[in-house]
Each structure stands twice: as C-alpha cells, then as structure tokens.
C-alpha cells in the first residue's frame, strides 16, 4: 500500500477502488472523490467477483464496497479479498442500519461501515481514518454496534487484564507493535503475545475486529 504522508517525503494519493452495482452511485462517488486532491479512484466495478480480481491486480489502498451486490454480496467479496490480501482496508457502503448488517460487518473483517444516506464528507473522513489503520463507523449506527457487542458479551468473554486493555487501546488507535512497545516499555514480542491473547479471549481475528470491540466498549472514541 502507498503511504499517504510521511514527513520529509513527497505526498502520494490514496488509491481507491469502488464496487457498487449502481452505475450512477459509482459516478457520483467518483466525481465527489475527484474534488479531493489527495484521493485517486484507480478503478470501478459493479461486481463483487470482479472486485476480488481487481484488488489483486491493482492493490488499492482503500476499497469501497457496497454490501448489497448481485452474485456474491459485498460481505462475501470482502472475505474473498481478505483471504488473498489480509491487510486490505475495506469500507462497506450500505443503506442498512439494522443489527443483522452490523453483525455481518463485525465478522467480515472490514475496517469501515458507512451509510449511503449520510453526508459525502463522512466518506472522506472514513477513507482518511481507515487509511491510518483505524476503524470508522457511521456515528448513527454506533449505538447498534454497542448493542450487538453487549449481546456477544452475554455469551461469555473472558475479562481482560489491565495490560491487555492498555495494549488493546493502543492497537485500536492505530499504533504499531513497535510504537506500543516503546510507550509501555515492553518488548515487541510481548506486545505480539498480548495481541494474540486478546484475539483468543475475545474470539476476534483481526486488528479491525479489535478496534470495533474497543469502540463498542467505549475504550476509545471516534
């Protein structure tokens, strides 16, 4: 993935791939993103299957994928992409703000969940946030995510230790293992072990999932 900004180096654009089954939606999003000089749309498609192939070929920084697609759904496309590119940063676009779709989002491994009915500027915030390795969820569905997370907790999650919670917070804020190790005065190996234990205890499988959990628990705000 290309860097967005690094001190002392030339800025590069955030490369975005759009997948939506409505050509007019693609056109509107593409034209809006073109107004922002730090973002470049490198490809579009109306097919989830094609999105998987294009992700391999183009290696975009950010993928915007509609949940409701013909053929394979946006959720299935997300999982297919993550099987090939585990660190892919995917934002799901949707009209749905119900608990079932929130559940699918949490389990998909996507970094972002943006409602199409919200303002276009929210999409820019989502792209910039996810580009930093952080999760973005439309504020209007945050309460739904919390409700879902509470149900998950009722099924039984082990309590986190104080150190595990500290590591979780720094992970959710987008810090690398090296940066977390420096802040907590522990080794990178120890940070990695805490990360593995967090995923095991919480039955989560990615940094994006850990971030969603931290947001739901109100350990961080966005």
C-alpha atoms as a PDB file:
ATOM      1  CA  UNK A   1       0.000   0.000   0.000  1.00  0.00           C
ATOM      2  CA  UNK A   2       1.248   3.505  -0.767  1.00  0.00           C
ATOM      3  CA  UNK A   3       1.894   5.929   2.050  1.00  0.00           C
ATOM      4  CA  UNK A   4      -0.385   8.922   2.333  1.00  0.00           C
ATOM      5  CA  UNK A   5       2.012  11.297   4.028  1.00  0.00           C
ATOM      6  CA  UNK A   6       5.439  10.879   5.552  1.00  0.00           C
ATOM      7  CA  UNK A   7       7.486  13.748   6.949  1.00  0.00           C
ATOM      8  CA  UNK A   8      10.145  14.831   4.513  1.00  0.00           C
ATOM      9  CA  UNK A   9       8.786  12.762   1.641  1.00  0.00           C
ATOM     10  CA  UNK A  10       6.546  13.536  -1.323  1.00  0.00           C
ATOM     11  CA  UNK A  11       2.867  13.018  -0.631  1.00  0.00           C
ATOM     12  CA  UNK A  12       1.169  10.261  -2.580  1.00  0.00           C
ATOM     13  CA  UNK A  13      -2.520   9.908  -3.245  1.00  0.00           C
ATOM     14  CA  UNK A  14      -4.828   7.439  -1.513  1.00  0.00           C
ATOM     15  CA  UNK A  15      -5.684   4.947  -4.239  1.00  0.00           C
ATOM     16  CA  UNK A  16      -9.336   3.882  -4.107  1.00  0.00           C
ATOM     17  CA  UNK A  17     -11.303   1.081  -5.796  1.00  0.00           C
ATOM     18  CA  UNK A  18     -15.113   1.396  -5.891  1.00  0.00           C
ATOM     19  CA  UNK A  19     -17.529  -1.533  -6.165  1.00  0.00           C
ATOM     20  CA  UNK A  20     -21.264  -0.800  -6.379  1.00  0.00           C
ATOM     21  CA  UNK A  21     -23.969  -2.324  -8.543  1.00  0.00           C
ATOM     22  CA  UNK A  22     -25.491   1.084  -9.343  1.00  0.00           C
ATOM     23  CA  UNK A  23     -23.503   2.906 -12.076  1.00  0.00           C
ATOM     24  CA  UNK A  24     -24.980   6.240 -11.009  1.00  0.00           C
ATOM     25  CA  UNK A  25     -23.742   5.665  -7.454  1.00  0.00           C
ATOM     26  CA  UNK A  26     -20.268   4.897  -8.775  1.00  0.00           C
ATOM     27  CA  UNK A  27     -20.329   8.038 -10.915  1.00  0.00           C
ATOM     28  CA  UNK A  28     -21.435  10.218  -8.008  1.00  0.00           C
ATOM     29  CA  UNK A  29     -18.834   8.851  -5.594  1.00  0.00           C
ATOM     30  CA  UNK A  30     -16.102   9.062  -8.221  1.00  0.00           C
ATOM     31  CA  UNK A  31     -16.902  12.669  -9.062  1.00  0.00           C
ATOM     32  CA  UNK A  32     -17.044  13.631  -5.382  1.00  0.00           C
ATOM     33  CA  UNK A  33     -13.722  11.963  -4.611  1.00  0.00           C
ATOM     34  CA  UNK A  34     -12.142  13.709  -7.614  1.00  0.00           C
ATOM     35  CA  UNK A  35     -12.691  17.004  -5.790  1.00  0.00           C
ATOM     36  CA  UNK A  36     -10.112  15.909  -3.205  1.00  0.00           C
ATOM     37  CA  UNK A  37      -6.550  16.126  -4.484  1.00  0.00           C
ATOM     38  CA  UNK A  38      -5.195  13.521  -2.052  1.00  0.00           C
ATOM     39  CA  UNK A  39      -7.547  10.792  -3.313  1.00  0.00           C
ATOM     40  CA  UNK A  40      -7.429   8.971  -6.658  1.00  0.00           C
ATOM     41  CA  UNK A  41     -10.018   6.461  -7.929  1.00  0.00           C
ATOM     42  CA  UNK A  42      -7.990   3.782  -9.745  1.00  0.00           C
ATOM     43  CA  UNK A  43     -10.861   1.508 -10.725  1.00  0.00           C
ATOM     44  CA  UNK A  44     -14.578   0.775 -10.510  1.00  0.00           C
ATOM     45  CA  UNK A  45     -16.754  -2.307 -10.881  1.00  0.00           C
ATOM     46  CA  UNK A  46     -20.350  -3.390 -10.351  1.00  0.00           C
ATOM     47  CA  UNK A  47     -19.394  -6.985  -9.458  1.00  0.00           C
ATOM     48  CA  UNK A  48     -18.126  -8.492  -6.225  1.00  0.00           C
ATOM     49  CA  UNK A  49     -16.298 -11.207  -8.158  1.00  0.00           C
ATOM     50  CA  UNK A  50     -14.535  -8.608 -10.270  1.00  0.00           C
ATOM     51  CA  UNK A  51     -13.687  -6.571  -7.170  1.00  0.00           C
ATOM     52  CA  UNK A  52     -11.731  -9.559  -5.838  1.00  0.00           C
ATOM     53  CA  UNK A  53      -9.740  -9.824  -9.081  1.00  0.00           C
ATOM     54  CA  UNK A  54      -9.157  -6.069  -9.307  1.00  0.00           C
ATOM     55  CA  UNK A  55      -7.966  -5.948  -5.696  1.00  0.00           C
ATOM     56  CA  UNK A  56      -5.263  -8.484  -6.570  1.00  0.00           C
ATOM     57  CA  UNK A  57      -4.224  -6.683  -9.744  1.00  0.00           C
ATOM     58  CA  UNK A  58      -4.408  -3.039  -8.637  1.00  0.00           C
ATOM     59  CA  UNK A  59      -3.565  -3.305  -4.898  1.00  0.00           C
ATOM     60  CA  UNK A  60      -5.674  -0.263  -3.906  1.00  0.00           C
ATOM     61  CA  UNK A  61      -5.111   1.468  -0.586  1.00  0.00           C
ATOM     62  CA  UNK A  62      -8.846   1.565   0.141  1.00  0.00           C
ATOM     63  CA  UNK A  63     -11.746  -0.468  -1.256  1.00  0.00           C
ATOM     64  CA  UNK A  64     -15.276   0.931  -1.114  1.00  0.00           C
ATOM     65  CA  UNK A  65     -17.687  -1.998  -1.433  1.00  0.00           C
ATOM     66  CA  UNK A  66     -21.475  -1.974  -1.442  1.00  0.00           C
ATOM     67  CA  UNK A  67     -22.936  -4.646   0.836  1.00  0.00           C
ATOM     68  CA  UNK A  68     -25.858  -5.437  -1.469  1.00  0.00           C
ATOM     69  CA  UNK A  69     -24.389  -6.753  -4.708  1.00  0.00           C
ATOM     70  CA  UNK A  70     -25.786  -9.226  -7.268  1.00  0.00           C
ATOM     71  CA  UNK A  71     -23.985 -12.567  -7.339  1.00  0.00           C
ATOM     72  CA  UNK A  72     -21.706 -12.619  -4.321  1.00  0.00           C
ATOM     73  CA  UNK A  73     -22.548  -9.997  -1.697  1.00  0.00           C
ATOM     74  CA  UNK A  74     -20.260  -7.249  -0.507  1.00  0.00           C
ATOM     75  CA  UNK A  75     -19.629  -9.257   2.658  1.00  0.00           C
ATOM     76  CA  UNK A  76     -18.579 -12.299   0.611  1.00  0.00           C
ATOM     77  CA  UNK A  77     -16.414 -10.122  -1.622  1.00  0.00           C
ATOM     78  CA  UNK A  78     -14.767  -8.651   1.480  1.00  0.00           C
ATOM     79  CA  UNK A  79     -13.936 -12.105   2.816  1.00  0.00           C
ATOM     80  CA  UNK A  80     -12.616 -13.185  -0.592  1.00  0.00           C
ATOM     81  CA  UNK A  81     -10.335 -10.163  -0.776  1.00  0.00           C
ATOM     82  CA  UNK A  82      -9.072 -10.625   2.779  1.00  0.00           C
ATOM     83  CA  UNK A  83      -8.212 -14.265   2.084  1.00  0.00           C
ATOM     84  CA  UNK A  84      -5.812 -13.077  -0.628  1.00  0.00           C
ATOM     85  CA  UNK A  85      -4.806  -9.747   0.919  1.00  0.00           C
ATOM     86  CA  UNK A  86      -5.120  -9.970   4.726  1.00  0.00           C
ATOM     87  CA  UNK A  87      -4.190  -6.323   5.274  1.00  0.00           C
ATOM     88  CA  UNK A  88      -6.687  -4.935   2.729  1.00  0.00           C
ATOM     89  CA  UNK A  89      -8.549  -1.911   4.058  1.00  0.00           C
ATOM     90  CA  UNK A  90     -12.197  -2.202   3.113  1.00  0.00           C
ATOM     91  CA  UNK A  91     -15.058   0.211   3.785  1.00  0.00           C
ATOM     92  CA  UNK A  92     -18.566  -1.178   3.374  1.00  0.00           C
ATOM     93  CA  UNK A  93     -21.144   1.179   1.858  1.00  0.00           C
ATOM     94  CA  UNK A  94     -24.752   0.445   2.698  1.00  0.00           C
ATOM     95  CA  UNK A  95     -28.297   1.685   3.115  1.00  0.00           C
ATOM     96  CA  UNK A  96     -28.776  -0.696   6.062  1.00  0.00           C
ATOM     97  CA  UNK A  97     -28.510   0.365   9.708  1.00  0.00           C
ATOM     98  CA  UNK A  98     -30.029  -2.741  11.317  1.00  0.00           C
ATOM     99  CA  UNK A  99     -28.413  -5.143  13.755  1.00  0.00           C
ATOM    100  CA  UNK A 100     -28.113  -8.013  11.268  1.00  0.00           C
ATOM    101  CA  UNK A 101     -25.966  -5.984   8.896  1.00  0.00           C
ATOM    102  CA  UNK A 102     -23.894  -4.674  11.806  1.00  0.00           C
ATOM    103  CA  UNK A 103     -23.293  -8.294  12.822  1.00  0.00           C
ATOM    104  CA  UNK A 104     -22.149  -9.137   9.304  1.00  0.00           C
ATOM    105  CA  UNK A 105     -19.822  -6.126   9.318  1.00  0.00           C
ATOM    106  CA  UNK A 106     -18.215  -7.081  12.622  1.00  0.00           C
ATOM    107  CA  UNK A 107     -17.497 -10.585  11.370  1.00  0.00           C
ATOM    108  CA  UNK A 108     -16.370  -9.562   7.880  1.00  0.00           C
ATOM    109  CA  UNK A 109     -13.011  -8.040   8.778  1.00  0.00           C
ATOM    110  CA  UNK A 110     -13.817  -4.738   7.050  1.00  0.00           C
ATOM    111  CA  UNK A 111     -12.421  -1.547   8.569  1.00  0.00           C
ATOM    112  CA  UNK A 112     -15.327   0.789   7.862  1.00  0.00           C
ATOM    113  CA  UNK A 113     -19.134   0.929   7.756  1.00  0.00           C
ATOM    114  CA  UNK A 114     -20.615   3.992   6.057  1.00  0.00           C
ATOM    115  CA  UNK A 115     -24.294   4.695   5.447  1.00  0.00           C
ATOM    116  CA  UNK A 116     -25.092   5.968   1.964  1.00  0.00           C
ATOM    117  CA  UNK A 117     -27.742   8.311   3.337  1.00  0.00           C
ATOM    118  CA  UNK A 118     -25.178  10.291   5.332  1.00  0.00           C
ATOM    119  CA  UNK A 119     -23.242  13.317   4.103  1.00  0.00           C
ATOM    120  CA  UNK A 120     -20.498  12.823   1.478  1.00  0.00           C
ATOM    121  CA  UNK A 121     -17.954  14.387   3.838  1.00  0.00           C
ATOM    122  CA  UNK A 122     -18.397  11.381   6.124  1.00  0.00           C
ATOM    123  CA  UNK A 123     -16.989   9.192   3.348  1.00  0.00           C
ATOM    124  CA  UNK A 124     -13.847  11.332   3.229  1.00  0.00           C
ATOM    125  CA  UNK A 125     -13.446  11.020   6.995  1.00  0.00           C
ATOM    126  CA  UNK A 126     -13.900   7.275   6.670  1.00  0.00           C
ATOM    127  CA  UNK A 127     -11.256   6.977   3.943  1.00  0.00           C
ATOM    128  CA  UNK A 128      -8.744   9.090   5.862  1.00  0.00           C
ATOM    129  CA  UNK A 129      -9.411   7.233   9.122  1.00  0.00           C
ATOM    130  CA  UNK A 130      -9.148   3.765   7.589  1.00  0.00           C
ATOM    131  CA  UNK A 131      -6.006   4.796   5.695  1.00  0.00           C
ATOM    132  CA  UNK A 132      -4.404   5.304   9.123  1.00  0.00           C
ATOM    133  CA  UNK A 133      -5.278   1.717  10.046  1.00  0.00           C
ATOM    134  CA  UNK A 134      -8.207   2.718  12.257  1.00  0.00           C
ATOM    135  CA  UNK A 135     -11.844   1.678  12.078  1.00  0.00           C
ATOM    136  CA  UNK A 136     -14.576   4.102  11.028  1.00  0.00           C
ATOM    137  CA  UNK A 137     -18.264   3.511  11.747  1.00  0.00           C
ATOM    138  CA  UNK A 138     -21.037   5.963  10.882  1.00  0.00           C
ATOM    139  CA  UNK A 139     -21.890   7.597  14.219  1.00  0.00           C
ATOM    140  CA  UNK A 140     -25.581   6.957  13.619  1.00  0.00           C
ATOM    141  CA  UNK A 141     -25.032   3.176  13.860  1.00  0.00           C
ATOM    142  CA  UNK A 142     -22.530   3.233  16.742  1.00  0.00           C
ATOM    143  CA  UNK A 143     -25.308   2.501  19.243  1.00  0.00           C
ATOM    144  CA  UNK A 144     -26.326  -0.523  17.188  1.00  0.00           C
ATOM    145  CA  UNK A 145     -22.740  -1.794  17.310  1.00  0.00           C
ATOM    146  CA  UNK A 146     -22.722  -1.367  21.088  1.00  0.00           C
ATOM    147  CA  UNK A 147     -25.999  -3.285  21.373  1.00  0.00           C
ATOM    148  CA  UNK A 148     -24.583  -6.125  19.304  1.00  0.00           C
ATOM    149  CA  UNK A 149     -21.365  -6.187  21.313  1.00  0.00           C
ATOM    150  CA  UNK A 150     -23.310  -6.426  24.563  1.00  0.00           C
ATOM    151  CA  UNK A 151     -25.138  -9.460  23.238  1.00  0.00           C
ATOM    152  CA  UNK A 152     -21.804 -11.027  22.359  1.00  0.00           C
ATOM    153  CA  UNK A 153     -20.554 -10.378  25.880  1.00  0.00           C
ATOM    154  CA  UNK A 154     -23.587 -12.131  27.321  1.00  0.00           C
ATOM    155  CA  UNK A 155     -22.367 -15.230  25.512  1.00  0.00           C
ATOM    156  CA  UNK A 156     -19.231 -15.047  27.611  1.00  0.00           C
ATOM    157  CA  UNK A 157     -15.939 -13.242  27.055  1.00  0.00           C
ATOM    158  CA  UNK A 158     -13.041 -13.596  29.463  1.00  0.00           C
ATOM    159  CA  UNK A 159     -12.097 -10.488  31.421  1.00  0.00           C
ATOM    160  CA  UNK A 160      -9.102  -8.599  30.106  1.00  0.00           C
ATOM    161  CA  UNK A 161      -6.141  -7.830  32.307  1.00  0.00           C
ATOM    162  CA  UNK A 162      -5.115  -4.211  32.804  1.00  0.00           C
ATOM    163  CA  UNK A 163      -2.137  -4.638  30.492  1.00  0.00           C
ATOM    164  CA  UNK A 164      -4.232  -6.349  27.815  1.00  0.00           C
ATOM    165  CA  UNK A 165      -6.684  -3.463  27.912  1.00  0.00           C
ATOM    166  CA  UNK A 166      -3.814  -0.969  27.557  1.00  0.00           C
ATOM    167  CA  UNK A 167      -2.476  -2.822  24.530  1.00  0.00           C
ATOM    168  CA  UNK A 168      -5.974  -3.034  23.074  1.00  0.00           C
ATOM    169  CA  UNK A 169      -6.452   0.729  23.338  1.00  0.00           C
ATOM    170  CA  UNK A 170      -3.166   1.480  21.564  1.00  0.00           C
ATOM    171  CA  UNK A 171      -3.936  -1.099  18.856  1.00  0.00           C
ATOM    172  CA  UNK A 172      -7.354   0.462  18.306  1.00  0.00           C
ATOM    173  CA  UNK A 173      -5.743   3.893  17.966  1.00  0.00           C
ATOM    174  CA  UNK A 174      -3.685   2.585  15.057  1.00  0.00           C
ATOM    175  CA  UNK A 175      -0.264   2.306  16.701  1.00  0.00           C
ATOM    176  CA  UNK A 176       2.222  -0.311  15.510  1.00  0.00           C
ATOM    177  CA  UNK A 177       3.598  -3.043  17.774  1.00  0.00           C
ATOM    178  CA  UNK A 178       6.931  -1.176  17.956  1.00  0.00           C
ATOM    179  CA  UNK A 179       5.222   2.076  18.946  1.00  0.00           C
ATOM    180  CA  UNK A 180       3.140   0.296  21.591  1.00  0.00           C
ATOM    181  CA  UNK A 181       6.229  -1.437  22.959  1.00  0.00           C
ATOM    182  CA  UNK A 182       8.009   1.914  23.292  1.00  0.00           C
ATOM    183  CA  UNK A 183       5.033   3.552  25.033  1.00  0.00           C
ATOM    184  CA  UNK A 184       4.565   0.693  27.530  1.00  0.00           C
ATOM    185  CA  UNK A 185       8.291  -0.053  27.971  1.00  0.00           C
ATOM    186  CA  UNK A 186       7.877  -3.686  26.960  1.00  0.00           C
ATOM    187  CA  UNK A 187       9.265  -5.759  24.108  1.00  0.00           C
ATOM    188  CA  UNK A 188       7.666  -6.040  20.673  1.00  0.00           C
ATOM    189  CA  UNK A 189       7.412  -9.782  21.297  1.00  0.00           C
ATOM    190  CA  UNK A 190       5.393  -9.126  24.463  1.00  0.00           C
ATOM    191  CA  UNK A 191       3.061  -6.814  22.549  1.00  0.00           C
ATOM    192  CA  UNK A 192       2.553  -9.571  19.958  1.00  0.00           C
ATOM    193  CA  UNK A 193       1.728 -12.061  22.700  1.00  0.00           C
ATOM    194  CA  UNK A 194      -0.816  -9.663  24.199  1.00  0.00           C
ATOM    195  CA  UNK A 195      -2.343  -9.183  20.737  1.00  0.00           C
ATOM    196  CA  UNK A 196      -2.655 -12.946  20.280  1.00  0.00           C
ATOM    197  CA  UNK A 197      -4.197 -13.331  23.738  1.00  0.00           C
ATOM    198  CA  UNK A 198      -6.702 -10.541  23.042  1.00  0.00           C
ATOM    199  CA  UNK A 199      -7.838 -12.214  19.840  1.00  0.00           C
ATOM    200  CA  UNK A 200      -8.099 -15.558  21.605  1.00  0.00           C
ATOM    201  CA  UNK A 201     -10.037 -14.242  24.619  1.00  0.00           C
ATOM    202  CA  UNK A 202     -12.411 -12.140  22.563  1.00  0.00           C
ATOM    203  CA  UNK A 203     -12.724 -14.618  19.692  1.00  0.00           C
ATOM    204  CA  UNK A 204     -11.698 -11.909  17.227  1.00  0.00           C
ATOM    205  CA  UNK A 205      -9.490 -12.359  14.208  1.00  0.00           C
ATOM    206  CA  UNK A 206      -8.063  -9.039  13.034  1.00  0.00           C
ATOM    207  CA  UNK A 207      -6.920  -5.602  14.156  1.00  0.00           C
ATOM    208  CA  UNK A 208     -10.111  -4.189  12.655  1.00  0.00           C
ATOM    209  CA  UNK A 209     -12.181  -6.519  14.860  1.00  0.00           C
ATOM    210  CA  UNK A 210     -10.208  -5.481  17.960  1.00  0.00           C
ATOM    211  CA  UNK A 211     -10.816  -1.832  17.104  1.00  0.00           C
ATOM    212  CA  UNK A 212     -14.559  -2.385  16.750  1.00  0.00           C
ATOM    213  CA  UNK A 213     -14.582  -4.104  20.138  1.00  0.00           C
ATOM    214  CA  UNK A 214     -12.701  -1.196  21.738  1.00  0.00           C
ATOM    215  CA  UNK A 215     -15.190   1.291  20.261  1.00  0.00           C
ATOM    216  CA  UNK A 216     -18.150  -0.757  21.457  1.00  0.00           C
ATOM    217  CA  UNK A 217     -16.637  -0.928  24.958  1.00  0.00           C
ATOM    218  CA  UNK A 218     -16.059   2.851  24.825  1.00  0.00           C
ATOM    219  CA  UNK A 219     -12.355   2.367  25.426  1.00  0.00           C
ATOM    220  CA  UNK A 220     -11.776   4.834  22.597  1.00  0.00           C
ATOM    221  CA  UNK A 221     -13.960   7.373  20.842  1.00  0.00           C
ATOM    222  CA  UNK A 222     -14.137   8.427  17.214  1.00  0.00           C
END
